[in-house]
Amino acid sequence: MIKTQIIRADSKPVAVILDYEEYRRLKEIEQDKADYYSASAVKATNKKWTNHAELKKQLGI
């Protein structure tokens, strides 16, 4: 179980102290979500796509 501490001011939560590894895991999830939405936006606006085989051919790979 991840230990967390909630800092309160006037009985209202104002901050959380959490395990560093948990923080890193949450940041990774946040970045994955941002990447997903960015890719979705590109896919929605880009009408011309090149398949993998054609791209490799164009790049000479």
Foldseek 3Di string as FASTA:
>chain_A
DWDKDFDDDPNHTDDMDTDPVVVVVVVVVVVVVVVVVVVVVCVVPDPDDDDPVRVCVVVVD
